[in-house]
Amino acid sequence: ATQHLAACDEGNLRAAITQGGEILFDCSGVIVLTNTLIITNDVTLDANGRAVTLSGGGMVRLFTVNSNASLTLLGLNLTAGRAVNAGGAVFSWGTFRAARCRFGGNAVIPGPGSSYTPGVAEGGAVWNGGVANLEQCVFTGNSAVATPRNGFAQSALGGAVFNSGMLLASDTA
């Protein structure tokens, strides 16, 4: 059954995601997450016709999609996600689809690394290791930042998107 999110707040969003399925936003607003939303089943978040922003507050990644799960985002603003190593806004091993979404100001920084394994920063907005489909999405001001740490080189790849799976992108839905 389709769920309706009447109040744009983290508690209601988390409860709806736990149940899974299609979630329609009946509200507009900004939801600042205190912890990453972990997707373990099939979830669709539909904000078409609303002004809904999910923010990591510059502190947390917005979504992690497990390998046996799928996440579809429709008409959402995804901002200020921040992660170490990979996927500032979305880190996905599963199936990820975003349509008419705006990814802005998300960042990924390298982990500590070592003399043998440099720290990596991959996918400022999206890190995909599964199947991703990005339709009519806009990416602005996302970053993968590498600065030397403890004398070790770091690497940064994919300021907007890093793909190690299958990626489909189009400007038409």
N, C-alpha and C. Protein backbone atom coordinates (compact mmCIF):
# COMPACT_ATOMS: atom_id res chain seq x y z
N ALA A 1 0.84 -1.19 0.00
CA ALA A 1 0.00 0.00 0.00
C ALA A 1 0.88 1.25 0.00
N THR A 2 0.40 2.28 -0.64
CA THR A 2 1.12 3.55 -0.69
C THR A 2 1.01 4.25 0.66
N GLN A 3 2.14 4.74 1.14
CA GLN A 3 2.15 5.51 2.39
C GLN A 3 2.18 6.99 2.05
N HIS A 4 1.54 7.79 2.89
CA HIS A 4 1.54 9.25 2.72
C HIS A 4 2.28 9.86 3.89
N LEU A 5 3.31 10.66 3.58
CA LEU A 5 4.08 11.33 4.62
C LEU A 5 3.47 12.71 4.83
N ALA A 6 2.75 12.86 5.92
CA ALA A 6 2.04 14.12 6.20
C ALA A 6 2.98 15.17 6.79
N ALA A 7 3.96 14.73 7.58
CA ALA A 7 4.89 15.66 8.21
C ALA A 7 6.30 15.38 7.72
N CYS A 8 6.97 16.43 7.24
CA CYS A 8 8.34 16.30 6.75
C CYS A 8 9.31 16.37 7.91
N ASP A 9 9.53 15.24 8.57
CA ASP A 9 10.53 15.17 9.62
C ASP A 9 11.20 13.80 9.58
N GLU A 10 12.36 13.72 10.21
CA GLU A 10 13.17 12.52 10.13
C GLU A 10 12.48 11.29 10.71
N GLY A 11 11.79 11.45 11.83
CA GLY A 11 11.12 10.31 12.47
C GLY A 11 10.08 9.66 11.57
N ASN A 12 9.22 10.48 10.98
CA ASN A 12 8.19 9.95 10.08
C ASN A 12 8.80 9.31 8.84
N LEU A 13 9.85 9.95 8.29
CA LEU A 13 10.51 9.41 7.10
C LEU A 13 11.14 8.06 7.41
N ARG A 14 11.84 7.95 8.54
CA ARG A 14 12.47 6.68 8.92
C ARG A 14 11.44 5.57 9.10
N ALA A 15 10.33 5.90 9.75
CA ALA A 15 9.28 4.89 9.98
C ALA A 15 8.71 4.39 8.65
N ALA A 16 8.49 5.31 7.72
CA ALA A 16 7.94 4.94 6.41
C ALA A 16 8.93 4.08 5.62
N ILE A 17 10.21 4.45 5.65
CA ILE A 17 11.23 3.70 4.92
C ILE A 17 11.36 2.28 5.48
N THR A 18 11.24 2.12 6.79
CA THR A 18 11.32 0.80 7.41
C THR A 18 10.24 -0.11 6.85
N GLN A 19 9.04 0.45 6.61
CA GLN A 19 7.94 -0.35 6.05
C GLN A 19 8.16 -0.62 4.56
N GLY A 20 8.83 0.29 3.87
CA GLY A 20 9.12 0.11 2.45
C GLY A 20 7.95 0.45 1.56
N GLY A 21 8.12 0.21 0.27
CA GLY A 21 7.09 0.49 -0.71
C GLY A 21 7.12 1.94 -1.17
N GLU A 22 6.00 2.40 -1.71
CA GLU A 22 5.89 3.76 -2.23
C GLU A 22 5.50 4.72 -1.13
N ILE A 23 6.25 5.82 -1.03
CA ILE A 23 6.01 6.84 -0.02
C ILE A 23 5.80 8.17 -0.74
N LEU A 24 4.62 8.74 -0.61
CA LEU A 24 4.31 10.03 -1.22
C LEU A 24 4.44 11.13 -0.18
N PHE A 25 5.14 12.20 -0.53
CA PHE A 25 5.25 13.34 0.36
C PHE A 25 4.00 14.20 0.21
N ASP A 26 3.26 14.37 1.29
CA ASP A 26 2.10 15.28 1.31
C ASP A 26 2.50 16.60 1.97
N CYS A 27 3.81 16.82 2.09
CA CYS A 27 4.34 17.99 2.76
C CYS A 27 5.51 18.54 1.95
N SER A 28 5.90 19.75 2.26
CA SER A 28 7.13 20.34 1.74
C SER A 28 7.97 20.73 2.93
N GLY A 29 9.29 20.76 2.74
CA GLY A 29 10.15 21.17 3.83
C GLY A 29 11.54 20.59 3.70
N VAL A 30 12.36 20.89 4.70
CA VAL A 30 13.73 20.41 4.76
C VAL A 30 13.84 19.41 5.90
N ILE A 31 14.36 18.23 5.58
CA ILE A 31 14.60 17.21 6.60
C ILE A 31 16.11 17.05 6.74
N VAL A 32 16.64 17.43 7.90
CA VAL A 32 18.07 17.28 8.16
C VAL A 32 18.26 15.97 8.91
N LEU A 33 19.02 15.08 8.30
CA LEU A 33 19.22 13.75 8.88
C LEU A 33 20.33 13.76 9.94
N THR A 34 20.12 12.98 10.99
CA THR A 34 21.14 12.83 12.04
C THR A 34 21.96 11.57 11.81
N ASN A 35 21.42 10.62 11.03
CA ASN A 35 22.11 9.38 10.68
C ASN A 35 21.69 8.97 9.28
N THR A 36 22.53 8.20 8.62
CA THR A 36 22.26 7.73 7.26
C THR A 36 21.01 6.84 7.24
N LEU A 37 20.19 7.01 6.20
CA LEU A 37 19.03 6.14 5.98
C LEU A 37 19.53 4.89 5.26
N ILE A 38 19.36 3.73 5.89
CA ILE A 38 19.82 2.46 5.32
C ILE A 38 18.64 1.79 4.63
N ILE A 39 18.79 1.53 3.32
CA ILE A 39 17.71 0.93 2.55
C ILE A 39 17.95 -0.58 2.47
N THR A 40 17.03 -1.35 3.06
CA THR A 40 17.17 -2.81 3.12
C THR A 40 16.06 -3.53 2.36
N ASN A 41 15.12 -2.77 1.81
CA ASN A 41 14.03 -3.36 1.03
C ASN A 41 13.81 -2.46 -0.19
N ASP A 42 12.64 -2.53 -0.80
CA ASP A 42 12.36 -1.69 -1.97
C ASP A 42 11.57 -0.46 -1.54
N VAL A 43 12.14 0.72 -1.81
CA VAL A 43 11.56 1.99 -1.36
C VAL A 43 11.51 2.97 -2.52
N THR A 44 10.36 3.66 -2.66
CA THR A 44 10.22 4.78 -3.59
C THR A 44 9.81 6.00 -2.79
N LEU A 45 10.58 7.09 -2.90
CA LEU A 45 10.24 8.36 -2.26
C LEU A 45 9.81 9.32 -3.38
N ASP A 46 8.54 9.69 -3.38
CA ASP A 46 7.98 10.53 -4.44
C ASP A 46 7.63 11.91 -3.90
N ALA A 47 8.45 12.90 -4.29
CA ALA A 47 8.23 14.29 -3.86
C ALA A 47 7.78 15.16 -5.01
N ASN A 48 7.37 14.56 -6.13
CA ASN A 48 6.92 15.35 -7.27
C ASN A 48 5.77 16.27 -6.86
N GLY A 49 5.86 17.54 -7.25
CA GLY A 49 4.83 18.51 -6.89
C GLY A 49 5.03 19.14 -5.52
N ARG A 50 6.07 18.74 -4.81
CA ARG A 50 6.39 19.29 -3.49
C ARG A 50 7.81 19.85 -3.54
N ALA A 51 8.16 20.63 -2.53
CA ALA A 51 9.52 21.13 -2.38
C ALA A 51 10.12 20.44 -1.17
N VAL A 52 10.77 19.30 -1.40
CA VAL A 52 11.33 18.50 -0.30
C VAL A 52 12.84 18.41 -0.48
N THR A 53 13.55 18.78 0.59
CA THR A 53 15.01 18.69 0.62
C THR A 53 15.42 17.74 1.73
N LEU A 54 16.27 16.79 1.38
CA LEU A 54 16.91 15.93 2.37
C LEU A 54 18.34 16.42 2.50
N SER A 55 18.77 16.70 3.72
CA SER A 55 20.10 17.26 3.97
C SER A 55 20.85 16.39 4.96
N GLY A 56 22.15 16.24 4.70
CA GLY A 56 23.00 15.56 5.66
C GLY A 56 23.62 16.52 6.65
N GLY A 57 23.26 17.80 6.53
CA GLY A 57 23.78 18.81 7.45
C GLY A 57 25.30 18.93 7.41
N GLY A 58 25.91 18.46 6.31
CA GLY A 58 27.37 18.49 6.22
C GLY A 58 28.04 17.48 7.13
N MET A 59 27.25 16.54 7.69
CA MET A 59 27.78 15.60 8.68
C MET A 59 27.60 14.13 8.29
N VAL A 60 26.49 13.79 7.61
CA VAL A 60 26.21 12.38 7.34
C VAL A 60 25.81 12.15 5.88
N ARG A 61 26.07 10.93 5.41
CA ARG A 61 25.58 10.48 4.11
C ARG A 61 24.06 10.36 4.21
N LEU A 62 23.34 10.62 3.11
CA LEU A 62 21.89 10.53 3.13
C LEU A 62 21.39 9.09 3.06
N PHE A 63 21.87 8.32 2.07
CA PHE A 63 21.37 6.96 1.86
C PHE A 63 22.49 5.95 1.63
N THR A 64 22.32 4.76 2.20
CA THR A 64 23.08 3.58 1.82
C THR A 64 22.07 2.56 1.33
N VAL A 65 22.27 2.05 0.11
CA VAL A 65 21.36 1.07 -0.48
C VAL A 65 22.06 -0.29 -0.47
N ASN A 66 21.51 -1.24 0.29
CA ASN A 66 22.10 -2.57 0.37
C ASN A 66 21.93 -3.32 -0.95
N SER A 67 22.73 -4.37 -1.14
CA SER A 67 22.78 -5.08 -2.42
C SER A 67 21.47 -5.75 -2.80
N ASN A 68 20.64 -6.11 -1.84
CA ASN A 68 19.38 -6.79 -2.14
C ASN A 68 18.20 -5.83 -2.11
N ALA A 69 18.45 -4.53 -2.23
CA ALA A 69 17.39 -3.53 -2.07
C ALA A 69 17.39 -2.57 -3.26
N SER A 70 16.30 -1.78 -3.34
CA SER A 70 16.24 -0.74 -4.38
C SER A 70 15.68 0.54 -3.79
N LEU A 71 16.20 1.65 -4.31
CA LEU A 71 15.74 2.97 -3.89
C LEU A 71 15.45 3.79 -5.13
N THR A 72 14.24 4.35 -5.18
CA THR A 72 13.85 5.28 -6.25
C THR A 72 13.53 6.61 -5.61
N LEU A 73 14.16 7.68 -6.12
CA LEU A 73 13.93 9.03 -5.63
C LEU A 73 13.34 9.86 -6.76
N LEU A 74 12.21 10.51 -6.50
CA LEU A 74 11.53 11.30 -7.52
C LEU A 74 11.34 12.74 -7.04
N GLY A 75 11.95 13.68 -7.75
CA GLY A 75 11.73 15.10 -7.48
C GLY A 75 12.27 15.62 -6.17
N LEU A 76 13.33 15.03 -5.66
CA LEU A 76 13.90 15.45 -4.37
C LEU A 76 15.14 16.31 -4.56
N ASN A 77 15.40 17.19 -3.57
CA ASN A 77 16.66 17.90 -3.45
C ASN A 77 17.50 17.13 -2.43
N LEU A 78 18.73 16.78 -2.80
CA LEU A 78 19.62 16.03 -1.92
C LEU A 78 20.87 16.86 -1.70
N THR A 79 21.01 17.41 -0.48
CA THR A 79 22.05 18.39 -0.22
C THR A 79 22.87 18.07 1.02
N ALA A 80 24.09 18.61 1.04
CA ALA A 80 24.96 18.62 2.22
C ALA A 80 25.19 17.24 2.82
N GLY A 81 25.18 16.20 1.96
CA GLY A 81 25.58 14.88 2.42
C GLY A 81 27.09 14.83 2.51
N ARG A 82 27.62 14.10 3.48
CA ARG A 82 29.06 14.02 3.65
C ARG A 82 29.43 12.63 4.13
N ALA A 83 30.45 12.05 3.49
CA ALA A 83 30.88 10.71 3.87
C ALA A 83 32.39 10.58 3.74
N VAL A 84 32.93 9.56 4.38
CA VAL A 84 34.33 9.21 4.26
C VAL A 84 34.44 8.08 3.25
N ASN A 85 35.36 8.20 2.33
CA ASN A 85 35.70 7.21 1.30
C ASN A 85 34.77 7.19 0.10
N ALA A 86 33.44 7.12 0.28
CA ALA A 86 32.59 6.94 -0.90
C ALA A 86 31.15 7.40 -0.67
N GLY A 87 30.58 8.06 -1.69
CA GLY A 87 29.16 8.37 -1.70
C GLY A 87 28.72 9.40 -0.68
N GLY A 88 28.89 10.68 -1.00
CA GLY A 88 28.48 11.73 -0.07
C GLY A 88 26.98 11.75 0.18
N ALA A 89 26.18 11.59 -0.87
CA ALA A 89 24.71 11.57 -0.71
C ALA A 89 24.18 10.15 -0.76
N VAL A 90 24.63 9.36 -1.75
CA VAL A 90 24.12 8.00 -1.93
C VAL A 90 25.28 7.05 -2.17
N PHE A 91 25.28 5.95 -1.40
CA PHE A 91 26.23 4.85 -1.57
C PHE A 91 25.40 3.62 -1.85
N SER A 92 25.54 3.05 -3.05
CA SER A 92 24.63 1.96 -3.42
C SER A 92 25.34 0.75 -4.00
N TRP A 93 25.02 -0.42 -3.41
CA TRP A 93 25.39 -1.72 -3.97
C TRP A 93 24.16 -2.33 -4.64
N GLY A 94 23.00 -1.71 -4.47
CA GLY A 94 21.75 -2.26 -4.97
C GLY A 94 21.31 -1.62 -6.27
N THR A 95 20.01 -1.38 -6.36
CA THR A 95 19.42 -0.72 -7.52
C THR A 95 18.99 0.67 -7.09
N PHE A 96 19.50 1.68 -7.79
CA PHE A 96 19.22 3.07 -7.42
C PHE A 96 18.73 3.83 -8.64
N ARG A 97 17.60 4.52 -8.48
CA ARG A 97 17.07 5.36 -9.56
C ARG A 97 16.74 6.73 -8.99
N ALA A 98 17.16 7.76 -9.69
CA ALA A 98 16.78 9.12 -9.33
C ALA A 98 16.27 9.80 -10.58
N ALA A 99 15.09 10.43 -10.49
CA ALA A 99 14.51 11.15 -11.62
C ALA A 99 14.11 12.54 -11.14
N ARG A 100 14.51 13.55 -11.93
CA ARG A 100 14.18 14.94 -11.63
C ARG A 100 14.65 15.35 -10.23
N CYS A 101 15.83 14.85 -9.84
CA CYS A 101 16.40 15.19 -8.54
C CYS A 101 17.54 16.18 -8.72
N ARG A 102 17.81 16.91 -7.65
CA ARG A 102 18.90 17.87 -7.64
C ARG A 102 19.87 17.49 -6.51
N PHE A 103 21.12 17.24 -6.89
CA PHE A 103 22.17 16.89 -5.95
C PHE A 103 23.08 18.10 -5.82
N GLY A 104 23.16 18.71 -4.63
CA GLY A 104 23.97 19.91 -4.47
C GLY A 104 24.76 19.93 -3.18
N GLY A 105 26.03 20.30 -3.29
CA GLY A 105 26.85 20.50 -2.09
C GLY A 105 27.14 19.26 -1.30
N ASN A 106 27.14 18.08 -1.95
CA ASN A 106 27.50 16.84 -1.26
C ASN A 106 29.00 16.64 -1.40
N ALA A 107 29.62 15.98 -0.42
CA ALA A 107 31.07 15.83 -0.44
C ALA A 107 31.51 14.48 0.12
N VAL A 108 32.63 14.02 -0.40
CA VAL A 108 33.26 12.82 0.14
C VAL A 108 34.74 13.14 0.37
N ILE A 109 35.25 12.66 1.50
CA ILE A 109 36.65 12.88 1.86
C ILE A 109 37.33 11.53 2.03
N PRO A 110 38.66 11.48 1.88
CA PRO A 110 39.34 10.19 2.00
C PRO A 110 39.44 9.73 3.44
N GLY A 111 39.43 8.41 3.59
CA GLY A 111 39.70 7.82 4.89
C GLY A 111 41.20 7.91 5.17
N PRO A 112 41.64 7.41 6.32
CA PRO A 112 43.03 7.59 6.71
C PRO A 112 44.05 6.92 5.77
N GLY A 113 43.70 5.77 5.20
CA GLY A 113 44.65 5.11 4.33
C GLY A 113 45.90 4.66 5.09
N SER A 114 46.90 4.21 4.34
CA SER A 114 48.17 3.76 4.92
C SER A 114 49.25 3.96 3.88
N SER A 115 50.47 3.58 4.20
CA SER A 115 51.55 3.73 3.22
C SER A 115 51.35 2.79 2.04
N TYR A 116 50.59 1.70 2.22
CA TYR A 116 50.35 0.74 1.15
C TYR A 116 49.02 1.01 0.43
N THR A 117 48.04 1.49 1.15
CA THR A 117 46.73 1.74 0.58
C THR A 117 46.34 3.19 0.82
N PRO A 118 46.42 4.03 -0.23
CA PRO A 118 46.04 5.42 -0.03
C PRO A 118 44.55 5.55 0.27
N GLY A 119 44.20 6.56 1.04
CA GLY A 119 42.80 6.82 1.29
C GLY A 119 42.14 7.29 0.01
N VAL A 120 40.90 6.89 -0.21
CA VAL A 120 40.20 7.30 -1.42
C VAL A 120 38.97 8.13 -1.07
N ALA A 121 38.59 8.99 -2.01
CA ALA A 121 37.36 9.76 -1.93
C ALA A 121 36.70 9.59 -3.30
N GLU A 122 35.61 8.83 -3.34
CA GLU A 122 34.96 8.50 -4.61
C GLU A 122 33.48 8.85 -4.57
N GLY A 123 33.03 9.62 -5.56
CA GLY A 123 31.61 9.92 -5.70
C GLY A 123 31.10 10.95 -4.72
N GLY A 124 31.36 12.23 -5.01
CA GLY A 124 30.90 13.29 -4.12
C GLY A 124 29.41 13.23 -3.84
N ALA A 125 28.62 12.96 -4.86
CA ALA A 125 27.17 12.83 -4.68
C ALA A 125 26.75 11.37 -4.65
N VAL A 126 27.18 10.58 -5.66
CA VAL A 126 26.72 9.19 -5.79
C VAL A 126 27.89 8.26 -6.02
N TRP A 127 27.94 7.16 -5.26
CA TRP A 127 28.86 6.05 -5.50
C TRP A 127 27.98 4.86 -5.85
N ASN A 128 28.20 4.29 -7.04
CA ASN A 128 27.38 3.17 -7.50
C ASN A 128 28.22 1.94 -7.75
N GLY A 129 27.86 0.84 -7.09
CA GLY A 129 28.48 -0.45 -7.31
C GLY A 129 27.46 -1.46 -7.78
N GLY A 130 26.22 -1.01 -7.98
CA GLY A 130 25.14 -1.88 -8.44
C GLY A 130 24.64 -1.41 -9.79
N VAL A 131 23.35 -1.12 -9.85
CA VAL A 131 22.72 -0.59 -11.07
C VAL A 131 22.11 0.76 -10.71
N ALA A 132 22.52 1.80 -11.42
CA ALA A 132 21.98 3.13 -11.16
C ALA A 132 21.40 3.71 -12.45
N ASN A 133 20.29 4.42 -12.32
CA ASN A 133 19.64 5.08 -13.44
C ASN A 133 19.35 6.51 -13.01
N LEU A 134 20.01 7.47 -13.64
CA LEU A 134 19.85 8.88 -13.30
C LEU A 134 19.17 9.57 -14.47
N GLU A 135 17.96 10.08 -14.24
CA GLU A 135 17.16 10.70 -15.30
C GLU A 135 16.86 12.14 -14.94
N GLN A 136 17.24 13.06 -15.82
CA GLN A 136 16.95 14.49 -15.65
C GLN A 136 17.38 15.01 -14.28
N CYS A 137 18.55 14.58 -13.82
CA CYS A 137 19.08 15.05 -12.54
C CYS A 137 20.09 16.17 -12.78
N VAL A 138 20.21 17.06 -11.80
CA VAL A 138 21.15 18.17 -11.87
C VAL A 138 22.13 18.00 -10.72
N PHE A 139 23.43 18.12 -11.03
CA PHE A 139 24.49 18.01 -10.04
C PHE A 139 25.24 19.33 -9.98
N THR A 140 25.27 19.98 -8.81
CA THR A 140 25.99 21.25 -8.66
C THR A 140 26.77 21.26 -7.35
N GLY A 141 28.01 21.67 -7.42
CA GLY A 141 28.81 21.90 -6.21
C GLY A 141 29.10 20.66 -5.39
N ASN A 142 29.09 19.48 -6.00
CA ASN A 142 29.46 18.25 -5.29
C ASN A 142 30.97 18.08 -5.41
N SER A 143 31.60 17.38 -4.45
CA SER A 143 33.05 17.27 -4.51
C SER A 143 33.58 15.98 -3.91
N ALA A 144 34.68 15.53 -4.49
CA ALA A 144 35.50 14.46 -3.91
C ALA A 144 36.85 15.12 -3.65
N VAL A 145 37.22 15.21 -2.40
CA VAL A 145 38.39 16.01 -2.01
C VAL A 145 39.48 15.10 -1.45
N ALA A 146 40.68 15.29 -1.96
CA ALA A 146 41.82 14.53 -1.43
C ALA A 146 42.92 15.50 -1.03
N THR A 147 43.33 15.42 0.20
CA THR A 147 44.48 16.20 0.67
C THR A 147 45.43 15.20 1.32
N PRO A 148 46.73 15.41 1.18
CA PRO A 148 47.67 14.48 1.82
C PRO A 148 47.38 14.40 3.32
N ARG A 149 47.42 13.20 3.84
CA ARG A 149 47.16 13.01 5.26
C ARG A 149 48.24 12.11 5.83
N ASN A 150 48.83 12.52 6.93
CA ASN A 150 49.89 11.75 7.58
C ASN A 150 51.01 11.39 6.61
N GLY A 151 51.25 12.28 5.63
CA GLY A 151 52.32 12.05 4.67
C GLY A 151 51.99 11.08 3.56
N PHE A 152 50.74 10.57 3.52
CA PHE A 152 50.35 9.61 2.49
C PHE A 152 49.51 10.29 1.42
N ALA A 153 49.73 9.87 0.18
CA ALA A 153 48.93 10.39 -0.93
C ALA A 153 47.49 9.90 -0.80
N GLN A 154 46.57 10.70 -1.26
CA GLN A 154 45.15 10.34 -1.26
C GLN A 154 44.66 10.45 -2.70
N SER A 155 43.58 9.79 -3.04
CA SER A 155 43.03 9.93 -4.38
C SER A 155 41.57 10.35 -4.30
N ALA A 156 41.17 11.20 -5.26
CA ALA A 156 39.78 11.66 -5.33
C ALA A 156 39.29 11.44 -6.75
N LEU A 157 38.14 10.77 -6.88
CA LEU A 157 37.58 10.43 -8.18
C LEU A 157 36.08 10.67 -8.17
N GLY A 158 35.56 11.28 -9.23
CA GLY A 158 34.11 11.45 -9.37
C GLY A 158 33.52 12.46 -8.42
N GLY A 159 33.74 13.74 -8.71
CA GLY A 159 33.17 14.79 -7.87
C GLY A 159 31.66 14.68 -7.77
N ALA A 160 31.00 14.30 -8.86
CA ALA A 160 29.55 14.11 -8.84
C ALA A 160 29.20 12.65 -8.69
N VAL A 161 29.68 11.80 -9.60
CA VAL A 161 29.31 10.38 -9.62
C VAL A 161 30.54 9.52 -9.82
N PHE A 162 30.67 8.46 -9.02
CA PHE A 162 31.67 7.43 -9.25
C PHE A 162 30.92 6.14 -9.50
N ASN A 163 31.25 5.47 -10.61
CA ASN A 163 30.54 4.26 -11.00
C ASN A 163 31.48 3.08 -11.12
N SER A 164 31.20 2.00 -10.39
CA SER A 164 31.93 0.75 -10.58
C SER A 164 30.94 -0.37 -10.90
N GLY A 165 29.69 0.00 -11.19
CA GLY A 165 28.66 -0.96 -11.54
C GLY A 165 28.12 -0.66 -12.93
N MET A 166 26.79 -0.58 -13.06
CA MET A 166 26.18 -0.22 -14.33
C MET A 166 25.42 1.09 -14.12
N LEU A 167 25.74 2.08 -14.96
CA LEU A 167 25.14 3.40 -14.83
C LEU A 167 24.45 3.79 -16.13
N LEU A 168 23.19 4.20 -16.00
CA LEU A 168 22.41 4.74 -17.12
C LEU A 168 22.08 6.17 -16.76
N ALA A 169 22.36 7.09 -17.65
CA ALA A 169 22.05 8.49 -17.38
C ALA A 169 21.41 9.09 -18.61
N SER A 170 20.37 9.90 -18.40
CA SER A 170 19.70 10.55 -19.53
C SER A 170 19.14 11.88 -19.12
N ASP A 171 18.97 12.76 -20.11
CA ASP A 171 18.36 14.05 -19.82
C ASP A 171 16.87 14.04 -20.15
N THR A 172 16.36 12.88 -20.53
CA THR A 172 14.91 12.73 -20.76
C THR A 172 14.42 11.52 -19.99
N ALA A 173 13.27 11.65 -19.37
CA ALA A 173 12.74 10.55 -18.56
C ALA A 173 12.09 9.49 -19.43
